[in-house]
Amino acid sequence: MKMLSCKFKGHSLKQIATDSLYKEEFQCVNCKQQFTTDGYGRMVKLSKYWRENNRYFETVLANQKSA
C-alpha cells in the first residue's frame, strides 16, 4: 500500500546524510528507497555506484581541506 502512495503522490523524502555541504542523501518515509543528487542536481536512486561515488567525493574533499 505504501508503494502505491509513492507511485501516485510521489515520494515523501527525508534527508539522511547531512555530513557534507556538497552531497545530499534522502530516504522516502513510505517505501524506504534512498536517493541522492547527481552532478547536475537531479534526484537519482542511491545505487552502489552512487554510494561509492559519494564516499570518494568525501575523501577527496577531506584531503583538500587537510592540505
Protein backbone atom coordinates (compact mmCIF):
# COMPACT_ATOMS: atom_id res chain seq x y z
CA MET A 1 0.00 0.00 0.00
CA LYS A 2 2.83 2.37 0.81
CA MET A 3 4.38 1.76 -2.62
CA LEU A 4 1.11 2.82 -4.27
CA SER A 5 1.15 6.02 -2.25
CA CYS A 6 4.58 6.86 -3.64
CA LYS A 7 3.51 5.94 -7.15
CA PHE A 8 0.51 8.29 -7.16
CA LYS A 9 1.56 11.13 -4.84
CA GLY A 10 5.33 10.96 -5.23
CA HIS A 11 7.95 10.17 -2.62
CA SER A 12 7.98 11.90 0.75
CA LEU A 13 11.72 12.45 1.23
CA LYS A 14 13.66 13.00 4.43
CA GLN A 15 17.34 13.95 4.37
CA ILE A 16 19.52 11.24 5.94
CA ALA A 17 23.09 12.37 5.25
CA THR A 18 23.96 15.89 6.36
CA ASP A 19 27.73 15.42 6.67
CA SER A 20 28.73 17.35 3.58
CA LEU A 21 27.70 20.61 2.03
CA TYR A 22 28.06 19.22 -1.50
CA LYS A 23 26.32 15.83 -1.41
CA GLU A 24 22.84 15.05 -0.21
CA GLU A 25 21.21 11.70 0.51
CA PHE A 26 17.50 11.22 1.08
CA GLN A 27 15.18 8.37 2.09
CA CYS A 28 11.47 8.03 1.34
CA VAL A 29 9.43 7.87 4.54
CA ASN A 30 6.92 5.45 3.00
CA CYS A 31 8.83 2.95 0.85
CA LYS A 32 12.36 3.37 2.34
CA GLN A 33 14.01 3.86 -1.08
CA GLN A 34 17.14 6.00 -0.94
CA PHE A 35 18.05 8.81 -3.33
CA THR A 36 20.93 11.19 -3.90
CA THR A 37 21.66 14.15 -6.15
CA ASP A 38 23.91 13.78 -9.17
CA GLY A 39 26.34 16.37 -10.51
CA TYR A 40 23.52 18.27 -12.23
CA GLY A 41 21.29 18.43 -9.14
CA ARG A 42 18.85 15.77 -10.35
CA MET A 43 17.50 13.13 -7.97
CA VAL A 44 18.73 9.59 -8.71
CA LYS A 45 18.29 6.32 -6.84
CA LEU A 46 21.14 5.64 -4.44
CA SER A 47 22.69 2.59 -6.07
CA LYS A 48 26.06 1.01 -5.32
CA TYR A 49 27.66 3.26 -7.95
CA TRP A 50 26.31 6.48 -6.42
CA ARG A 51 27.13 5.37 -2.86
CA GLU A 52 30.78 4.72 -3.84
CA ASN A 53 30.86 7.98 -5.79
CA ASN A 54 29.66 9.95 -2.73
CA ARG A 55 32.25 8.26 -0.46
CA TYR A 56 35.03 9.02 -2.96
CA PHE A 57 33.90 12.63 -3.15
CA GLU A 58 34.01 12.86 0.67
CA THR A 59 37.60 11.59 0.81
CA VAL A 60 38.75 13.98 -1.93
CA LEU A 61 37.23 16.95 -0.11
CA ALA A 62 38.70 15.82 3.23
CA ASN A 63 42.17 15.57 1.65
CA GLN A 64 41.83 19.04 0.14
CA LYS A 65 40.83 20.55 3.49
CA SER A 66 43.80 18.98 5.29
CA ALA A 67 46.32 20.06 2.63
